[in-house]
Amino acid sequence: MTVPAKRFHLDKPAAKLMGVCAGIANYTGIDATIVRIGFVIGTIFGFGSLLLIYLLIGFLAPKA
């Protein structure tokens, strides 16, 4: 388990798409794969609402 980051930012080097899940993983200290799986499941069961949240975070959050 990694030490959480002090501020949230997108993690472009570890990104699969925009770096949102990797940034959340760095910030919380959770594995990025678990965060990605959570986003996929949440998007499916949330009728796409997490997809909109993902895009908002991707465009508004600071880049590393």
PDB file of N, CA and C in Angstrom:
ATOM      1  N   MET A   1       0.842  -1.174   0.000  1.00  0.00           N
ATOM      2  CA  MET A   1       0.000   0.000   0.000  1.00  0.00           C
ATOM      3  C   MET A   1       0.892   1.243   0.000  1.00  0.00           C
ATOM      4  N   THR A   2       0.520   2.233  -0.783  1.00  0.00           N
ATOM      5  CA  THR A   2       1.331   3.439  -0.893  1.00  0.00           C
ATOM      6  C   THR A   2       0.827   4.522   0.045  1.00  0.00           C
ATOM      7  N   VAL A   3       1.671   5.494   0.302  1.00  0.00           N
ATOM      8  CA  VAL A   3       1.294   6.630   1.140  1.00  0.00           C
ATOM      9  C   VAL A   3       0.451   7.584   0.297  1.00  0.00           C
ATOM     10  N   PRO A   4      -0.706   8.027   0.806  1.00  0.00           N
ATOM     11  CA  PRO A   4      -1.559   8.929   0.027  1.00  0.00           C
ATOM     12  C   PRO A   4      -0.855  10.242  -0.293  1.00  0.00           C
ATOM     13  N   ALA A   5      -1.170  10.792  -1.444  1.00  0.00           N
ATOM     14  CA  ALA A   5      -0.628  12.086  -1.852  1.00  0.00           C
ATOM     15  C   ALA A   5      -1.267  13.189  -1.011  1.00  0.00           C
ATOM     16  N   LYS A   6      -0.604  14.338  -0.932  1.00  0.00           N
ATOM     17  CA  LYS A   6      -1.126  15.439  -0.135  1.00  0.00           C
ATOM     18  C   LYS A   6      -2.232  16.185  -0.861  1.00  0.00           C
ATOM     19  N   ARG A   7      -2.167  16.280  -2.180  1.00  0.00           N
ATOM     20  CA  ARG A   7      -3.186  16.946  -2.989  1.00  0.00           C
ATOM     21  C   ARG A   7      -3.594  16.027  -4.127  1.00  0.00           C
ATOM     22  N   PHE A   8      -4.864  16.142  -4.521  1.00  0.00           N
ATOM     23  CA  PHE A   8      -5.322  15.334  -5.653  1.00  0.00           C
ATOM     24  C   PHE A   8      -4.849  15.963  -6.958  1.00  0.00           C
ATOM     25  N   HIS A   9      -4.366  15.129  -7.855  1.00  0.00           N
ATOM     26  CA  HIS A   9      -4.021  15.542  -9.210  1.00  0.00           C
ATOM     27  C   HIS A   9      -4.126  14.327 -10.121  1.00  0.00           C
ATOM     28  N   LEU A  10      -4.309  14.574 -11.399  1.00  0.00           N
ATOM     29  CA  LEU A  10      -4.353  13.491 -12.367  1.00  0.00           C
ATOM     30  C   LEU A  10      -2.965  12.885 -12.491  1.00  0.00           C
ATOM     31  N   ASP A  11      -2.913  11.576 -12.645  1.00  0.00           N
ATOM     32  CA  ASP A  11      -1.642  10.871 -12.769  1.00  0.00           C
ATOM     33  C   ASP A  11      -1.482  10.427 -14.228  1.00  0.00           C
ATOM     34  N   LYS A  12      -0.948  11.314 -15.053  1.00  0.00           N
ATOM     35  CA  LYS A  12      -0.799  11.024 -16.484  1.00  0.00           C
ATOM     36  C   LYS A  12       0.146   9.859 -16.778  1.00  0.00           C
ATOM     37  N   PRO A  13       1.278   9.720 -16.083  1.00  0.00           N
ATOM     38  CA  PRO A  13       2.163   8.586 -16.399  1.00  0.00           C
ATOM     39  C   PRO A  13       1.518   7.217 -16.154  1.00  0.00           C
ATOM     40  N   ALA A  14       0.635   7.105 -15.176  1.00  0.00           N
ATOM     41  CA  ALA A  14      -0.013   5.825 -14.877  1.00  0.00           C
ATOM     42  C   ALA A  14      -1.416   5.747 -15.460  1.00  0.00           C
ATOM     43  N   ALA A  15      -1.754   6.669 -16.344  1.00  0.00           N
ATOM     44  CA  ALA A  15      -3.112   6.765 -16.876  1.00  0.00           C
ATOM     45  C   ALA A  15      -3.420   5.679 -17.902  1.00  0.00           C
ATOM     46  N   LYS A  16      -4.658   5.259 -17.913  1.00  0.00           N
ATOM     47  CA  LYS A  16      -5.172   4.398 -18.977  1.00  0.00           C
ATOM     48  C   LYS A  16      -5.982   5.240 -19.956  1.00  0.00           C
ATOM     49  N   LEU A  17      -6.689   6.251 -19.434  1.00  0.00           N
ATOM     50  CA  LEU A  17      -7.476   7.130 -20.287  1.00  0.00           C
ATOM     51  C   LEU A  17      -7.105   8.590 -20.017  1.00  0.00           C
ATOM     52  N   MET A  18      -7.534   9.121 -18.898  1.00  0.00           N
ATOM     53  CA  MET A  18      -7.247  10.522 -18.566  1.00  0.00           C
ATOM     54  C   MET A  18      -6.429  10.667 -17.287  1.00  0.00           C
ATOM     55  N   GLY A  19      -6.259   9.598 -16.538  1.00  0.00           N
ATOM     56  CA  GLY A  19      -5.486   9.651 -15.307  1.00  0.00           C
ATOM     57  C   GLY A  19      -6.308   9.885 -14.056  1.00  0.00           C
ATOM     58  N   VAL A  20      -7.637   9.861 -14.185  1.00  0.00           N
ATOM     59  CA  VAL A  20      -8.515  10.126 -13.041  1.00  0.00           C
ATOM     60  C   VAL A  20      -8.417   9.005 -12.012  1.00  0.00           C
ATOM     61  N   CYS A  21      -8.589   7.780 -12.430  1.00  0.00           N
ATOM     62  CA  CYS A  21      -8.543   6.655 -11.489  1.00  0.00           C
ATOM     63  C   CYS A  21      -7.167   6.501 -10.870  1.00  0.00           C
ATOM     64  N   ALA A  22      -6.122   6.715 -11.650  1.00  0.00           N
ATOM     65  CA  ALA A  22      -4.768   6.638 -11.106  1.00  0.00           C
ATOM     66  C   ALA A  22      -4.541   7.753 -10.091  1.00  0.00           C
ATOM     67  N   GLY A  23      -5.077   8.936 -10.353  1.00  0.00           N
ATOM     68  CA  GLY A  23      -4.968  10.041  -9.405  1.00  0.00           C
ATOM     69  C   GLY A  23      -5.725   9.765  -8.116  1.00  0.00           C
ATOM     70  N   ILE A  24      -6.926   9.203  -8.237  1.00  0.00           N
ATOM     71  CA  ILE A  24      -7.708   8.839  -7.045  1.00  0.00           C
ATOM     72  C   ILE A  24      -6.968   7.765  -6.263  1.00  0.00           C
ATOM     73  N   ALA A  25      -6.381   6.805  -6.969  1.00  0.00           N
ATOM     74  CA  ALA A  25      -5.630   5.743  -6.298  1.00  0.00           C
ATOM     75  C   ALA A  25      -4.436   6.307  -5.547  1.00  0.00           C
ATOM     76  N   ASN A  26      -3.711   7.233  -6.150  1.00  0.00           N
ATOM     77  CA  ASN A  26      -2.572   7.858  -5.474  1.00  0.00           C
ATOM     78  C   ASN A  26      -3.028   8.643  -4.251  1.00  0.00           C
ATOM     79  N   TYR A  27      -4.115   9.352  -4.377  1.00  0.00           N
ATOM     80  CA  TYR A  27      -4.607  10.199  -3.296  1.00  0.00           C
ATOM     81  C   TYR A  27      -5.081   9.368  -2.095  1.00  0.00           C
ATOM     82  N   THR A  28      -5.751   8.248  -2.367  1.00  0.00           N
ATOM     83  CA  THR A  28      -6.315   7.435  -1.292  1.00  0.00           C
ATOM     84  C   THR A  28      -5.392   6.304  -0.836  1.00  0.00           C
ATOM     85  N   GLY A  29      -4.410   5.934  -1.646  1.00  0.00           N
ATOM     86  CA  GLY A  29      -3.531   4.832  -1.295  1.00  0.00           C
ATOM     87  C   GLY A  29      -4.085   3.473  -1.672  1.00  0.00           C
ATOM     88  N   ILE A  30      -5.132   3.457  -2.489  1.00  0.00           N
ATOM     89  CA  ILE A  30      -5.754   2.218  -2.960  1.00  0.00           C
ATOM     90  C   ILE A  30      -5.154   1.857  -4.316  1.00  0.00           C
ATOM     91  N   ASP A  31      -5.120   0.576  -4.634  1.00  0.00           N
ATOM     92  CA  ASP A  31      -4.610   0.131  -5.926  1.00  0.00           C
ATOM     93  C   ASP A  31      -5.466   0.699  -7.054  1.00  0.00           C
ATOM     94  N   ALA A  32      -4.837   1.164  -8.137  1.00  0.00           N
ATOM     95  CA  ALA A  32      -5.539   1.797  -9.251  1.00  0.00           C
ATOM     96  C   ALA A  32      -6.516   0.836  -9.935  1.00  0.00           C
ATOM     97  N   THR A  33      -6.185  -0.441  -9.972  1.00  0.00           N
ATOM     98  CA  THR A  33      -7.078  -1.417 -10.598  1.00  0.00           C
ATOM     99  C   THR A  33      -8.406  -1.501  -9.859  1.00  0.00           C
ATOM    100  N   ILE A  34      -8.358  -1.452  -8.545  1.00  0.00           N
ATOM    101  CA  ILE A  34      -9.586  -1.500  -7.755  1.00  0.00           C
ATOM    102  C   ILE A  34     -10.433  -0.255  -8.011  1.00  0.00           C
ATOM    103  N   VAL A  35      -9.790   0.905  -8.113  1.00  0.00           N
ATOM    104  CA  VAL A  35     -10.523   2.140  -8.393  1.00  0.00           C
ATOM    105  C   VAL A  35     -11.151   2.062  -9.787  1.00  0.00           C
ATOM    106  N   ARG A  36     -10.425   1.546 -10.757  1.00  0.00           N
ATOM    107  CA  ARG A  36     -10.959   1.418 -12.119  1.00  0.00           C
ATOM    108  C   ARG A  36     -12.151   0.468 -12.171  1.00  0.00           C
ATOM    109  N   ILE A  37     -12.036  -0.661 -11.481  1.00  0.00           N
ATOM    110  CA  ILE A  37     -13.151  -1.611 -11.434  1.00  0.00           C
ATOM    111  C   ILE A  37     -14.357  -0.968 -10.767  1.00  0.00           C
ATOM    112  N   GLY A  38     -14.119  -0.212  -9.704  1.00  0.00           N
ATOM    113  CA  GLY A  38     -15.206   0.494  -9.024  1.00  0.00           C
ATOM    114  C   GLY A  38     -15.899   1.495  -9.934  1.00  0.00           C
ATOM    115  N   PHE A  39     -15.131   2.206 -10.747  1.00  0.00           N
ATOM    116  CA  PHE A  39     -15.727   3.158 -11.685  1.00  0.00           C
ATOM    117  C   PHE A  39     -16.563   2.448 -12.737  1.00  0.00           C
ATOM    118  N   VAL A  40     -16.087   1.319 -13.242  1.00  0.00           N
ATOM    119  CA  VAL A  40     -16.843   0.573 -14.249  1.00  0.00           C
ATOM    120  C   VAL A  40     -18.151   0.060 -13.656  1.00  0.00           C
ATOM    121  N   ILE A  41     -18.078  -0.548 -12.482  1.00  0.00           N
ATOM    122  CA  ILE A  41     -19.284  -1.076 -11.836  1.00  0.00           C
ATOM    123  C   ILE A  41     -20.241   0.065 -11.505  1.00  0.00           C
ATOM    124  N   GLY A  42     -19.703   1.163 -10.985  1.00  0.00           N
ATOM    125  CA  GLY A  42     -20.542   2.310 -10.655  1.00  0.00           C
ATOM    126  C   GLY A  42     -21.196   2.928 -11.875  1.00  0.00           C
ATOM    127  N   THR A  43     -20.495   2.937 -12.997  1.00  0.00           N
ATOM    128  CA  THR A  43     -21.065   3.469 -14.233  1.00  0.00           C
ATOM    129  C   THR A  43     -22.201   2.587 -14.732  1.00  0.00           C
ATOM    130  N   ILE A  44     -22.001   1.277 -14.652  1.00  0.00           N
ATOM    131  CA  ILE A  44     -23.049   0.352 -15.104  1.00  0.00           C
ATOM    132  C   ILE A  44     -24.288   0.465 -14.230  1.00  0.00           C
ATOM    133  N   PHE A  45     -24.103   0.425 -12.908  1.00  0.00           N
ATOM    134  CA  PHE A  45     -25.253   0.453 -12.006  1.00  0.00           C
ATOM    135  C   PHE A  45     -25.786   1.860 -11.769  1.00  0.00           C
ATOM    136  N   GLY A  46     -25.004   2.868 -12.099  1.00  0.00           N
ATOM    137  CA  GLY A  46     -25.442   4.255 -11.925  1.00  0.00           C
ATOM    138  C   GLY A  46     -25.980   4.854 -13.212  1.00  0.00           C
ATOM    139  N   PHE A  47     -26.222   4.012 -14.212  1.00  0.00           N
ATOM    140  CA  PHE A  47     -26.783   4.428 -15.492  1.00  0.00           C
ATOM    141  C   PHE A  47     -25.948   5.509 -16.161  1.00  0.00           C
ATOM    142  N   GLY A  48     -24.624   5.410 -16.036  1.00  0.00           N
ATOM    143  CA  GLY A  48     -23.722   6.312 -16.725  1.00  0.00           C
ATOM    144  C   GLY A  48     -23.362   7.579 -15.978  1.00  0.00           C
ATOM    145  N   SER A  49     -23.899   7.764 -14.775  1.00  0.00           N
ATOM    146  CA  SER A  49     -23.632   9.009 -14.054  1.00  0.00           C
ATOM    147  C   SER A  49     -22.154   9.138 -13.663  1.00  0.00           C
ATOM    148  N   LEU A  50     -21.491   8.044 -13.327  1.00  0.00           N
ATOM    149  CA  LEU A  50     -20.074   8.124 -12.986  1.00  0.00           C
ATOM    150  C   LEU A  50     -19.214   8.454 -14.199  1.00  0.00           C
ATOM    151  N   LEU A  51     -19.695   8.153 -15.382  1.00  0.00           N
ATOM    152  CA  LEU A  51     -18.965   8.526 -16.586  1.00  0.00           C
ATOM    153  C   LEU A  51     -18.902  10.049 -16.700  1.00  0.00           C
ATOM    154  N   LEU A  52     -19.999  10.717 -16.412  1.00  0.00           N
ATOM    155  CA  LEU A  52     -20.019  12.181 -16.432  1.00  0.00           C
ATOM    156  C   LEU A  52     -19.108  12.755 -15.353  1.00  0.00           C
ATOM    157  N   ILE A  53     -19.128  12.157 -14.176  1.00  0.00           N
ATOM    158  CA  ILE A  53     -18.262  12.612 -13.084  1.00  0.00           C
ATOM    159  C   ILE A  53     -16.801  12.406 -13.460  1.00  0.00           C
ATOM    160  N   TYR A  54     -16.487  11.264 -14.070  1.00  0.00           N
ATOM    161  CA  TYR A  54     -15.130  10.979 -14.518  1.00  0.00           C
ATOM    162  C   TYR A  54     -14.648  12.048 -15.495  1.00  0.00           C
ATOM    163  N   LEU A  55     -15.492  12.389 -16.469  1.00  0.00           N
ATOM    164  CA  LEU A  55     -15.116  13.398 -17.458  1.00  0.00           C
ATOM    165  C   LEU A  55     -14.930  14.768 -16.818  1.00  0.00           C
ATOM    166  N   LEU A  56     -15.792  15.129 -15.891  1.00  0.00           N
ATOM    167  CA  LEU A  56     -15.648  16.414 -15.192  1.00  0.00           C
ATOM    168  C   LEU A  56     -14.329  16.476 -14.430  1.00  0.00           C
ATOM    169  N   ILE A  57     -14.024  15.415 -13.698  1.00  0.00           N
ATOM    170  CA  ILE A  57     -12.758  15.379 -12.958  1.00  0.00           C
ATOM    171  C   ILE A  57     -11.591  15.453 -13.940  1.00  0.00           C
ATOM    172  N   GLY A  58     -11.688  14.726 -15.046  1.00  0.00           N
ATOM    173  CA  GLY A  58     -10.617  14.699 -16.026  1.00  0.00           C
ATOM    174  C   GLY A  58     -10.324  16.056 -16.643  1.00  0.00           C
ATOM    175  N   PHE A  59     -11.348  16.858 -16.835  1.00  0.00           N
ATOM    176  CA  PHE A  59     -11.145  18.167 -17.452  1.00  0.00           C
ATOM    177  C   PHE A  59     -10.846  19.273 -16.439  1.00  0.00           C
ATOM    178  N   LEU A  60     -11.274  19.106 -15.181  1.00  0.00           N
ATOM    179  CA  LEU A  60     -11.126  20.173 -14.192  1.00  0.00           C
ATOM    180  C   LEU A  60      -9.962  19.998 -13.230  1.00  0.00           C
ATOM    181  N   ALA A  61      -9.527  18.775 -13.009  1.00  0.00           N
ATOM    182  CA  ALA A  61      -8.468  18.528 -12.014  1.00  0.00           C
ATOM    183  C   ALA A  61      -7.107  18.954 -12.545  1.00  0.00           C
ATOM    184  N   PRO A  62      -6.220  19.362 -11.627  1.00  0.00           N
ATOM    185  CA  PRO A  62      -4.871  19.747 -12.062  1.00  0.00           C
ATOM    186  C   PRO A  62      -4.081  18.519 -12.523  1.00  0.00           C
ATOM    187  N   LYS A  63      -3.219  18.730 -13.489  1.00  0.00           N
ATOM    188  CA  LYS A  63      -2.376  17.652 -14.013  1.00  0.00           C
ATOM    189  C   LYS A  63      -1.082  17.593 -13.221  1.00  0.00           C
ATOM    190  N   ALA A  64      -0.528  16.398 -13.121  1.00  0.00           N
ATOM    191  CA  ALA A  64       0.737  16.224 -12.386  1.00  0.00           C
ATOM    192  C   ALA A  64       1.916  16.533 -13.256  1.00  0.00           C
TER     193      ALA A  64
END
